[in-house]
């Protein structure tokens, strides 16, 4: 994959420093070493295609590989299976880019912010706007996408306290707990079968109006 060191074997490859070059498509590679039968070079990180030809030039003589060089897709091996809105989770695997902006992580259709990246690990933020309890997790690197085998699930909400145990209809009540959605549309609060109007929400607090109707 991008940034890996590969070896090219052949013959008549020996030349002085700077007289051997390797290109992946139109993109030059950094040659680490070369002798008469072997070249070691680094796959350039900026190649946008999923497969390219490899050209080796020694002095003024150039040859092109008969087969295309194919980039491997990223692989998700493990990840934090459950967390709440805005929390960070870690994905481990292979084929990720060490450049943060070159990794695109999605929970269903929601884009996740990538905080840290290496070839085998990504640290990402659970999107605050998720509107489903289960999400399909995917990673895209240089137009190649992989999906996690199992769904990611949001942590179950927990109610710790309610500001009032009784009150009139229309009274504002504050519910304190954990794993709430910071978006009003992500929470639904019921007083028995009556849906309450929300006034505000954070990950740990929801303010609602006691609804009318029979209770």
Protein backbone atom coordinates (compact mmCIF):
# COMPACT_ATOMS: atom_id res chain seq x y z
CA UNK A 1 0.00 0.00 0.00
CA UNK A 2 0.99 3.69 -0.02
CA UNK A 3 4.28 4.27 1.82
CA UNK A 4 5.28 0.60 1.90
CA UNK A 5 8.78 -0.48 0.88
CA UNK A 6 8.79 -2.99 -1.98
CA UNK A 7 11.47 -4.85 -3.91
CA UNK A 8 11.78 -5.11 -7.69
CA UNK A 9 13.91 -7.94 -9.03
CA UNK A 10 15.38 -8.19 -12.50
CA UNK A 11 18.75 -7.76 -14.16
CA UNK A 12 21.01 -4.97 -15.37
CA UNK A 13 19.67 -2.69 -12.64
CA UNK A 14 22.98 -1.44 -11.28
CA UNK A 15 23.90 2.23 -11.76
CA UNK A 16 25.35 5.13 -9.81
CA UNK A 17 23.29 7.01 -7.26
CA UNK A 18 20.66 9.15 -8.97
CA UNK A 19 20.81 7.15 -12.22
CA UNK A 20 18.10 4.68 -11.18
CA UNK A 21 14.48 5.82 -11.01
CA UNK A 22 11.16 4.09 -10.41
CA UNK A 23 7.74 5.51 -11.27
CA UNK A 24 4.31 4.28 -10.19
CA UNK A 25 2.23 5.60 -13.04
CA UNK A 26 3.23 9.26 -13.23
CA UNK A 27 4.47 9.41 -9.64
CA UNK A 28 8.17 8.99 -8.77
CA UNK A 29 9.25 6.64 -5.99
CA UNK A 30 12.16 7.11 -3.62
CA UNK A 31 14.82 4.47 -4.38
CA UNK A 32 16.46 3.18 -1.21
CA UNK A 33 19.03 0.83 -2.77
CA UNK A 34 19.83 -0.90 -6.04
CA UNK A 35 22.23 -3.51 -7.34
CA UNK A 36 22.41 -5.51 -10.54
CA UNK A 37 19.38 -7.67 -9.71
CA UNK A 38 17.37 -5.81 -7.06
CA UNK A 39 15.84 -2.40 -6.36
CA UNK A 40 14.20 -1.42 -3.07
CA UNK A 41 11.88 1.58 -3.23
CA UNK A 42 8.98 3.24 -1.43
CA UNK A 43 5.48 3.28 -2.88
CA UNK A 44 4.64 6.98 -3.35
CA UNK A 45 1.82 8.11 -1.04
CA UNK A 46 0.09 10.44 -3.50
CA UNK A 47 -0.96 7.89 -6.16
CA UNK A 48 -4.77 8.28 -6.54
CA UNK A 49 -5.40 5.12 -8.59
CA UNK A 50 -6.08 1.61 -7.31
CA UNK A 51 -3.67 0.01 -9.83
CA UNK A 52 -0.75 1.45 -11.82
CA UNK A 53 2.11 0.31 -14.02
CA UNK A 54 5.64 0.38 -12.59
CA UNK A 55 8.45 1.79 -14.74
CA UNK A 56 12.15 1.35 -13.98
CA UNK A 57 14.69 3.57 -15.69
CA UNK A 58 18.44 2.91 -15.51
CA UNK A 59 20.48 5.60 -17.23
CA UNK A 60 18.53 6.09 -20.48
CA UNK A 61 17.03 2.61 -20.62
CA UNK A 62 13.45 2.14 -19.37
CA UNK A 63 11.30 -0.93 -18.87
CA UNK A 64 7.67 -1.21 -17.69
CA UNK A 65 6.23 -4.03 -15.61
CA UNK A 66 4.07 -6.51 -17.50
CA UNK A 67 1.50 -6.55 -14.67
CA UNK A 68 -0.03 -3.60 -12.87
CA UNK A 69 0.87 -2.88 -9.25
CA UNK A 70 -2.37 -3.19 -7.24
CA UNK A 71 -2.94 -1.27 -4.02
CA UNK A 72 -4.41 -3.32 -1.17
CA UNK A 73 -7.65 -2.17 0.45
CA UNK A 74 -7.69 -1.11 4.12
CA UNK A 75 -8.78 -3.78 6.61
CA UNK A 76 -10.70 -3.24 9.87
CA UNK A 77 -9.75 -5.94 12.39
CA UNK A 78 -11.07 -4.64 15.71
CA UNK A 79 -12.73 -1.51 17.04
CA UNK A 80 -14.40 -0.20 20.18
CA UNK A 81 -17.86 -1.75 19.70
CA UNK A 82 -19.89 0.63 21.84
CA UNK A 83 -19.58 4.30 22.82
CA UNK A 84 -21.65 7.46 23.08
CA UNK A 85 -22.01 10.61 20.98
CA UNK A 86 -18.78 12.60 20.76
CA UNK A 87 -16.64 9.95 22.46
CA UNK A 88 -13.47 8.62 20.86
CA UNK A 89 -13.05 5.05 19.69
CA UNK A 90 -10.06 3.17 18.28
CA UNK A 91 -9.97 1.10 15.11
CA UNK A 92 -7.13 -1.34 14.47
CA UNK A 93 -6.31 -3.03 11.19
CA UNK A 94 -4.07 -2.46 8.20
CA UNK A 95 -3.82 -0.32 5.10
CA UNK A 96 -4.69 2.94 6.87
CA UNK A 97 -2.83 6.13 5.98
CA UNK A 98 -0.59 7.76 8.59
CA UNK A 99 -1.81 11.10 7.19
CA UNK A 100 -5.01 11.93 9.11
CA UNK A 101 -6.82 13.68 6.23
CA UNK A 102 -6.32 10.71 3.89
CA UNK A 103 -8.59 8.48 6.00
CA UNK A 104 -12.35 8.89 5.69
CA UNK A 105 -14.40 7.14 8.39
CA UNK A 106 -18.18 6.91 8.27
CA UNK A 107 -20.85 5.69 10.67
CA UNK A 108 -23.62 4.96 8.16
CA UNK A 109 -23.78 8.21 6.18
CA UNK A 110 -22.24 10.32 8.97
CA UNK A 111 -18.64 11.45 8.59
CA UNK A 112 -16.44 10.97 11.68
CA UNK A 113 -13.54 13.21 12.66
CA UNK A 114 -10.20 11.37 12.66
CA UNK A 115 -7.95 12.56 15.49
CA UNK A 116 -4.93 10.28 15.11
CA UNK A 117 -3.78 7.92 12.38
CA UNK A 118 -1.11 5.32 11.77
CA UNK A 119 -0.87 2.45 9.32
CA UNK A 120 -2.52 0.09 11.80
CA UNK A 121 -4.69 2.32 13.99
CA UNK A 122 -7.21 5.16 13.79
CA UNK A 123 -8.67 7.22 16.62
CA UNK A 124 -12.00 8.76 15.65
CA UNK A 125 -14.89 10.69 17.22
CA UNK A 126 -18.38 9.15 17.25
CA UNK A 127 -20.50 11.62 15.20
CA UNK A 128 -22.80 13.67 17.48
CA UNK A 129 -25.54 13.63 14.85
CA UNK A 130 -26.09 9.85 14.68
CA UNK A 131 -29.79 9.05 14.47
CA UNK A 132 -29.66 5.27 14.82
CA UNK A 133 -28.53 3.00 17.63
CA UNK A 134 -26.58 0.75 15.24
CA UNK A 135 -24.23 1.95 12.50
CA UNK A 136 -22.24 0.33 9.72
CA UNK A 137 -18.63 1.41 10.17
CA UNK A 138 -16.47 2.03 7.08
CA UNK A 139 -12.98 3.33 6.30
CA UNK A 140 -11.98 4.78 2.93
CA UNK A 141 -8.32 5.33 2.01
CA UNK A 142 -7.43 6.63 -1.45
CA UNK A 143 -10.82 5.64 -2.93
CA UNK A 144 -10.65 2.09 -1.51
CA UNK A 145 -13.27 1.25 1.12
CA UNK A 146 -13.65 -1.47 3.72
CA UNK A 147 -16.52 -2.21 6.12
CA UNK A 148 -16.47 -3.59 9.65
CA UNK A 149 -18.01 -7.05 9.93
CA UNK A 150 -20.25 -6.08 12.86
CA UNK A 151 -22.27 -2.96 13.59
CA UNK A 152 -21.13 -0.24 15.96
CA UNK A 153 -23.72 0.48 18.66
CA UNK A 154 -24.39 3.57 20.70
CA UNK A 155 -24.27 3.20 24.47
CA UNK A 156 -27.67 2.79 26.12
CA UNK A 157 -28.93 6.03 27.74
CA UNK A 158 -29.03 6.12 31.52
CA UNK A 159 -31.27 8.35 33.68
CA UNK A 160 -29.59 9.35 36.95
CA UNK A 161 -31.96 11.99 38.28
CA UNK A 162 -35.01 14.12 37.43
CA UNK A 163 -35.32 17.66 38.78
CA UNK A 164 -38.92 17.15 39.95
CA UNK A 165 -41.00 14.10 40.77
CA UNK A 166 -44.29 15.96 40.26
CA UNK A 167 -45.55 19.16 38.66
CA UNK A 168 -48.14 20.79 36.44
CA UNK A 169 -48.42 20.34 32.70
CA UNK A 170 -46.12 22.81 30.97
CA UNK A 171 -43.56 22.68 33.78
CA UNK A 172 -39.92 22.42 32.69
CA UNK A 173 -38.15 19.30 33.96
CA UNK A 174 -34.42 18.58 33.72
CA UNK A 175 -33.30 14.98 33.25
CA UNK A 176 -29.67 14.23 34.15
CA UNK A 177 -27.91 11.11 32.96
CA UNK A 178 -25.49 9.67 30.42
CA UNK A 179 -25.32 8.88 26.70
CA UNK A 180 -27.99 11.36 25.61
CA UNK A 181 -27.85 12.87 22.15
CA UNK A 182 -26.64 16.49 22.05
CA UNK A 183 -29.14 17.04 19.22
CA UNK A 184 -32.80 17.50 20.10
CA UNK A 185 -33.90 15.23 17.28
CA UNK A 186 -31.81 12.39 18.67
CA UNK A 187 -33.83 12.07 21.89
CA UNK A 188 -37.46 11.18 22.55
CA UNK A 189 -38.79 11.66 26.08
CA UNK A 190 -42.14 10.21 27.12
CA UNK A 191 -44.33 10.73 30.14
CA UNK A 192 -46.13 7.39 29.88
CA UNK A 193 -47.41 7.54 26.29
CA UNK A 194 -47.14 11.31 25.92
CA UNK A 195 -44.19 12.70 23.96
CA UNK A 196 -42.59 15.69 25.69
CA UNK A 197 -41.30 18.76 23.86
CA UNK A 198 -37.57 19.28 24.36
CA UNK A 199 -36.07 22.66 25.17
CA UNK A 200 -32.41 21.72 25.17
CA UNK A 201 -30.06 18.77 25.24
CA UNK A 202 -26.45 17.83 25.93
CA UNK A 203 -24.79 14.48 26.31
CA UNK A 204 -25.68 14.42 30.00
CA UNK A 205 -28.80 16.59 30.34
CA UNK A 206 -32.18 17.03 28.65
CA UNK A 207 -34.70 19.80 29.45
CA UNK A 208 -38.30 19.01 28.56
CA UNK A 209 -41.79 20.40 29.09
CA UNK A 210 -44.26 18.18 30.93
CA UNK A 211 -46.79 17.32 28.18
CA UNK A 212 -50.55 17.59 28.26
CA UNK A 213 -52.75 14.57 27.80
CA UNK A 214 -53.92 11.83 30.06
CA UNK A 215 -51.27 10.33 32.36
